[in-house]
Amino acid sequence: MTAILPDDTGGASAGQRVFFDAILHPHRSLSPKGFAIFMGVFTAISLTVGGFFWLHGAWPIFGFFGLDILAVWYAFRLNYRSARMYETVRLTERELVVHRVGLKGRDGTWTFQPYWLRVTMDDPPEHESQVTLSSHGQTLTVGSFLSPEERLDFAKALREALGKVNAGHPA
């Protein structure tokens, strides 16, 4: 999911105008309530089928159905944990700052000068297309967890904001 707030003046350091401010989050289509419903239905089906096998003398199979429930729950738990990562992208007249909050304390901050910054993205987007920021030999990929269409929208909006910033700076 992308939240883009262009032309905002609040929160800029030293009175700088903010031309672009985005917070990028990985998309999760199943809400916590939906997950609880899914796990309830999945557990009921597994226990019903496992109970059928138990009643017919194949009681060890019941344990495997319990393991399936645990495996699905654990996979969703890992998936929801990865949703805590995000990236912020803020463009002012003097700099573009990308701050990434990753898993296991793998945070990072990158700063680029807007005048020299290039934003690249394939158009039309493909699944493996990435948004890359390049300047002075430094390259950074942002929004890799977004869908291709969201990455393209993000790249277009950032390019437009960069155009506004660079229009105020003579070449």
C-alpha atoms as a PDB file:
ATOM      1  CA  MET A   1       0.000   0.000   0.000  1.00  0.00           C
ATOM      2  CA  THR A   2       1.242   3.458  -0.792  1.00  0.00           C
ATOM      3  CA  ALA A   3       0.281   6.662   0.962  1.00  0.00           C
ATOM      4  CA  ILE A   4       1.447   9.674  -1.031  1.00  0.00           C
ATOM      5  CA  LEU A   5       1.063  13.161   0.363  1.00  0.00           C
ATOM      6  CA  PRO A   6       2.520  15.702  -2.099  1.00  0.00           C
ATOM      7  CA  ASP A   7       3.018  19.395  -1.457  1.00  0.00           C
ATOM      8  CA  ASP A   8       2.852  19.075   2.321  1.00  0.00           C
ATOM      9  CA  THR A   9       4.657  21.664   4.380  1.00  0.00           C
ATOM     10  CA  GLY A  10       4.266  20.071   7.799  1.00  0.00           C
ATOM     11  CA  GLY A  11       7.164  18.301   9.434  1.00  0.00           C
ATOM     12  CA  ALA A  12       9.898  19.466   7.075  1.00  0.00           C
ATOM     13  CA  SER A  13      13.216  20.162   8.717  1.00  0.00           C
ATOM     14  CA  ALA A  14      14.530  23.716   8.772  1.00  0.00           C
ATOM     15  CA  GLY A  15      11.435  25.070   7.043  1.00  0.00           C
ATOM     16  CA  GLN A  16      11.982  23.094   3.840  1.00  0.00           C
ATOM     17  CA  ARG A  17       8.971  22.480   1.647  1.00  0.00           C
ATOM     18  CA  VAL A  18       8.011  18.809   1.299  1.00  0.00           C
ATOM     19  CA  PHE A  19       7.218  17.902  -2.304  1.00  0.00           C
ATOM     20  CA  PHE A  20       6.633  14.204  -1.786  1.00  0.00           C
ATOM     21  CA  ASP A  21       6.061  12.066   1.288  1.00  0.00           C
ATOM     22  CA  ALA A  22       5.190   8.367   1.012  1.00  0.00           C
ATOM     23  CA  ILE A  23       4.972   5.460   3.398  1.00  0.00           C
ATOM     24  CA  LEU A  24       5.194   2.095   1.656  1.00  0.00           C
ATOM     25  CA  HIS A  25       3.787  -0.999   3.373  1.00  0.00           C
ATOM     26  CA  PRO A  26       3.559  -4.595   2.122  1.00  0.00           C
ATOM     27  CA  HIS A  27       0.027  -5.552   1.149  1.00  0.00           C
ATOM     28  CA  ARG A  28      -1.818  -8.110   3.266  1.00  0.00           C
ATOM     29  CA  SER A  29      -5.177  -9.150   1.843  1.00  0.00           C
ATOM     30  CA  LEU A  30      -6.342 -11.138   4.859  1.00  0.00           C
ATOM     31  CA  SER A  31      -7.305  -9.094   7.899  1.00  0.00           C
ATOM     32  CA  PRO A  32      -6.763 -10.452  11.428  1.00  0.00           C
ATOM     33  CA  LYS A  33     -10.517 -11.127  11.659  1.00  0.00           C
ATOM     34  CA  GLY A  34     -10.409 -12.958   8.322  1.00  0.00           C
ATOM     35  CA  PHE A  35      -7.436 -14.971   9.562  1.00  0.00           C
ATOM     36  CA  ALA A  36      -9.357 -15.998  12.702  1.00  0.00           C
ATOM     37  CA  ILE A  37     -12.323 -17.103  10.583  1.00  0.00           C
ATOM     38  CA  PHE A  38     -10.057 -18.995   8.172  1.00  0.00           C
ATOM     39  CA  MET A  39      -8.218 -20.757  10.993  1.00  0.00           C
ATOM     40  CA  GLY A  40     -11.523 -21.660  12.671  1.00  0.00           C
ATOM     41  CA  VAL A  41     -12.917 -23.217   9.490  1.00  0.00           C
ATOM     42  CA  PHE A  42      -9.599 -24.916   8.659  1.00  0.00           C
ATOM     43  CA  THR A  43      -9.329 -26.331  12.192  1.00  0.00           C
ATOM     44  CA  ALA A  44     -12.931 -27.580  12.141  1.00  0.00           C
ATOM     45  CA  ILE A  45     -12.416 -29.340   8.805  1.00  0.00           C
ATOM     46  CA  SER A  46      -9.093 -30.851   9.890  1.00  0.00           C
ATOM     47  CA  LEU A  47     -10.483 -32.104  13.193  1.00  0.00           C
ATOM     48  CA  THR A  48     -13.593 -33.518  11.490  1.00  0.00           C
ATOM     49  CA  VAL A  49     -11.602 -35.413   8.869  1.00  0.00           C
ATOM     50  CA  GLY A  50      -9.007 -36.446  11.465  1.00  0.00           C
ATOM     51  CA  GLY A  51     -11.816 -37.664  13.755  1.00  0.00           C
ATOM     52  CA  PHE A  52     -13.213 -39.753  10.901  1.00  0.00           C
ATOM     53  CA  PHE A  53      -9.853 -41.495  10.512  1.00  0.00           C
ATOM     54  CA  TRP A  54      -9.562 -41.943  14.282  1.00  0.00           C
ATOM     55  CA  LEU A  55     -12.956 -43.610  14.456  1.00  0.00           C
ATOM     56  CA  HIS A  56     -11.958 -46.013  11.676  1.00  0.00           C
ATOM     57  CA  GLY A  57      -8.795 -47.126  13.490  1.00  0.00           C
ATOM     58  CA  ALA A  58      -6.255 -44.912  11.731  1.00  0.00           C
ATOM     59  CA  TRP A  59      -5.650 -42.798  14.831  1.00  0.00           C
ATOM     60  CA  PRO A  60      -2.051 -41.734  13.897  1.00  0.00           C
ATOM     61  CA  ILE A  61      -3.469 -39.734  10.966  1.00  0.00           C
ATOM     62  CA  PHE A  62      -5.306 -37.521  13.449  1.00  0.00           C
ATOM     63  CA  GLY A  63      -1.918 -36.235  14.646  1.00  0.00           C
ATOM     64  CA  PHE A  64      -0.913 -35.265  11.117  1.00  0.00           C
ATOM     65  CA  PHE A  65      -4.039 -33.142  10.813  1.00  0.00           C
ATOM     66  CA  GLY A  66      -2.970 -31.389  14.022  1.00  0.00           C
ATOM     67  CA  LEU A  67       0.459 -30.756  12.512  1.00  0.00           C
ATOM     68  CA  ASP A  68      -1.215 -29.254   9.434  1.00  0.00           C
ATOM     69  CA  ILE A  69      -3.091 -26.812  11.637  1.00  0.00           C
ATOM     70  CA  LEU A  70       0.149 -25.773  13.379  1.00  0.00           C
ATOM     71  CA  ALA A  71       2.019 -25.435  10.065  1.00  0.00           C
ATOM     72  CA  VAL A  72      -0.647 -23.183   8.524  1.00  0.00           C
ATOM     73  CA  TRP A  73      -0.857 -21.053  11.678  1.00  0.00           C
ATOM     74  CA  TYR A  74       2.954 -20.658  11.768  1.00  0.00           C
ATOM     75  CA  ALA A  75       3.142 -19.719   8.065  1.00  0.00           C
ATOM     76  CA  PHE A  76       0.547 -16.973   8.576  1.00  0.00           C
ATOM     77  CA  ARG A  77       2.345 -15.768  11.684  1.00  0.00           C
ATOM     78  CA  LEU A  78       5.566 -15.323   9.682  1.00  0.00           C
ATOM     79  CA  ASN A  79       3.633 -13.575   6.918  1.00  0.00           C
ATOM     80  CA  TYR A  80       2.038 -11.084   9.319  1.00  0.00           C
ATOM     81  CA  ARG A  81       5.385 -10.440  11.009  1.00  0.00           C
ATOM     82  CA  SER A  82       6.947  -9.478   7.672  1.00  0.00           C
ATOM     83  CA  ALA A  83       4.140  -6.925   7.217  1.00  0.00           C
ATOM     84  CA  ARG A  84       5.726  -4.810   9.958  1.00  0.00           C
ATOM     85  CA  MET A  85       8.441  -3.633   7.599  1.00  0.00           C
ATOM     86  CA  TYR A  86       7.946  -0.388   5.716  1.00  0.00           C
ATOM     87  CA  GLU A  87       9.768   2.353   3.818  1.00  0.00           C
ATOM     88  CA  THR A  88       9.331   6.106   3.978  1.00  0.00           C
ATOM     89  CA  VAL A  89      10.309   8.334   1.075  1.00  0.00           C
ATOM     90  CA  ARG A  90      10.432  12.092   1.656  1.00  0.00           C
ATOM     91  CA  LEU A  91      11.451  14.641  -0.951  1.00  0.00           C
ATOM     92  CA  THR A  92      12.267  18.213   0.028  1.00  0.00           C
ATOM     93  CA  GLU A  93      13.936  20.921  -2.039  1.00  0.00           C
ATOM     94  CA  ARG A  94      17.370  19.853  -0.732  1.00  0.00           C
ATOM     95  CA  GLU A  95      17.222  16.065  -0.399  1.00  0.00           C
ATOM     96  CA  LEU A  96      15.364  12.848  -0.902  1.00  0.00           C
ATOM     97  CA  VAL A  97      15.521  10.611   2.170  1.00  0.00           C
ATOM     98  CA  VAL A  98      14.578   6.943   2.105  1.00  0.00           C
ATOM     99  CA  HIS A  99      14.217   5.270   5.489  1.00  0.00           C
ATOM    100  CA  ARG A 100      13.663   1.520   5.559  1.00  0.00           C
ATOM    101  CA  VAL A 101      12.455  -0.298   8.663  1.00  0.00           C
ATOM    102  CA  GLY A 102      13.123  -3.970   8.084  1.00  0.00           C
ATOM    103  CA  LEU A 103      12.888  -7.172  10.004  1.00  0.00           C
ATOM    104  CA  LYS A 104      15.322  -8.074  12.773  1.00  0.00           C
ATOM    105  CA  GLY A 105      16.679  -4.542  13.154  1.00  0.00           C
ATOM    106  CA  ARG A 106      17.835  -4.182   9.559  1.00  0.00           C
ATOM    107  CA  ASP A 107      16.990  -0.506   9.298  1.00  0.00           C
ATOM    108  CA  GLY A 108      18.698   1.914   6.955  1.00  0.00           C
ATOM    109  CA  THR A 109      18.571   5.498   5.739  1.00  0.00           C
ATOM    110  CA  TRP A 110      19.739   6.759   2.342  1.00  0.00           C
ATOM    111  CA  THR A 111      19.967  10.373   1.212  1.00  0.00           C
ATOM    112  CA  PHE A 112      20.070  11.641  -2.376  1.00  0.00           C
ATOM    113  CA  GLN A 113      20.351  15.111  -3.906  1.00  0.00           C
ATOM    114  CA  PRO A 114      17.172  15.689  -5.959  1.00  0.00           C
ATOM    115  CA  TYR A 115      18.893  17.502  -8.807  1.00  0.00           C
ATOM    116  CA  TRP A 116      21.042  14.478  -9.730  1.00  0.00           C
ATOM    117  CA  LEU A 117      18.517  11.761  -8.873  1.00  0.00           C
ATOM    118  CA  ARG A 118      17.182   9.375 -11.515  1.00  0.00           C
ATOM    119  CA  VAL A 119      14.077   7.253 -10.907  1.00  0.00           C
ATOM    120  CA  THR A 120      13.792   4.217 -13.183  1.00  0.00           C
ATOM    121  CA  MET A 121      10.986   1.692 -13.622  1.00  0.00           C
ATOM    122  CA  ASP A 122       9.843  -0.444 -16.557  1.00  0.00           C
ATOM    123  CA  ASP A 123       6.678   0.773 -18.261  1.00  0.00           C
ATOM    124  CA  PRO A 124       4.608  -1.332 -18.735  1.00  0.00           C
ATOM    125  CA  PRO A 125       5.536  -2.946 -15.442  1.00  0.00           C
ATOM    126  CA  GLU A 126       6.369  -6.628 -15.199  1.00  0.00           C
ATOM    127  CA  HIS A 127       6.484  -8.798 -12.105  1.00  0.00           C
ATOM    128  CA  GLU A 128      10.260  -8.444 -11.741  1.00  0.00           C
ATOM    129  CA  SER A 129      10.310  -4.686 -12.513  1.00  0.00           C
ATOM    130  CA  GLN A 130      11.766  -2.593  -9.702  1.00  0.00           C
ATOM    131  CA  VAL A 131      11.829   1.093  -8.819  1.00  0.00           C
ATOM    132  CA  THR A 132      15.457   2.166  -8.563  1.00  0.00           C
ATOM    133  CA  LEU A 133      16.858   5.476  -7.378  1.00  0.00           C
ATOM    134  CA  SER A 134      20.289   6.350  -8.772  1.00  0.00           C
ATOM    135  CA  SER A 135      22.657   9.226  -8.121  1.00  0.00           C
ATOM    136  CA  HIS A 136      26.441   9.622  -8.016  1.00  0.00           C
ATOM    137  CA  GLY A 137      27.086   5.886  -8.344  1.00  0.00           C
ATOM    138  CA  GLN A 138      24.675   4.998  -5.536  1.00  0.00           C
ATOM    139  CA  THR A 139      21.649   2.848  -6.448  1.00  0.00           C
ATOM    140  CA  LEU A 140      18.763   1.868  -4.205  1.00  0.00           C
ATOM    141  CA  THR A 141      15.711  -0.283  -4.913  1.00  0.00           C
ATOM    142  CA  VAL A 142      12.542   0.856  -3.139  1.00  0.00           C
ATOM    143  CA  GLY A 143       9.082  -0.650  -2.825  1.00  0.00           C
ATOM    144  CA  SER A 144      10.133  -4.145  -3.858  1.00  0.00           C
ATOM    145  CA  PHE A 145       7.206  -5.590  -1.881  1.00  0.00           C
ATOM    146  CA  LEU A 146       4.621  -3.570  -3.841  1.00  0.00           C
ATOM    147  CA  SER A 147       2.696  -4.927  -6.818  1.00  0.00           C
ATOM    148  CA  PRO A 148       4.074  -3.945 -10.263  1.00  0.00           C
ATOM    149  CA  GLU A 149       1.208  -1.465 -10.792  1.00  0.00           C
ATOM    150  CA  GLU A 150       1.792   0.138  -7.385  1.00  0.00           C
ATOM    151  CA  ARG A 151       5.530   0.428  -8.127  1.00  0.00           C
ATOM    152  CA  LEU A 152       4.759   2.147 -11.443  1.00  0.00           C
ATOM    153  CA  ASP A 153       2.326   4.586  -9.785  1.00  0.00           C
ATOM    154  CA  PHE A 154       4.912   5.317  -7.094  1.00  0.00           C
ATOM    155  CA  ALA A 155       7.675   5.903  -9.676  1.00  0.00           C
ATOM    156  CA  LYS A 156       5.475   8.245 -11.739  1.00  0.00           C
ATOM    157  CA  ALA A 157       4.450  10.268  -8.676  1.00  0.00           C
ATOM    158  CA  LEU A 158       8.060  10.545  -7.482  1.00  0.00           C
ATOM    159  CA  ARG A 159       9.268  11.616 -10.955  1.00  0.00           C
ATOM    160  CA  GLU A 160       6.550  14.272 -11.074  1.00  0.00           C
ATOM    161  CA  ALA A 161       7.566  15.607  -7.659  1.00  0.00           C
ATOM    162  CA  LEU A 162      11.246  15.588  -8.697  1.00  0.00           C
ATOM    163  CA  GLY A 163      10.265  17.616 -11.776  1.00  0.00           C
ATOM    164  CA  LYS A 164       8.674  20.225  -9.512  1.00  0.00           C
ATOM    165  CA  VAL A 165      11.754  20.383  -7.295  1.00  0.00           C
ATOM    166  CA  ASN A 166      14.160  20.605 -10.226  1.00  0.00           C
ATOM    167  CA  ALA A 167      12.042  23.244 -11.989  1.00  0.00           C
ATOM    168  CA  GLY A 168      13.008  25.605  -9.169  1.00  0.00           C
ATOM    169  CA  HIS A 169      16.750  24.953  -9.659  1.00  0.00           C
ATOM    170  CA  PRO A 170      18.573  26.375 -12.674  1.00  0.00           C
ATOM    171  CA  ALA A 171      20.722  23.840 -14.564  1.00  0.00           C
END
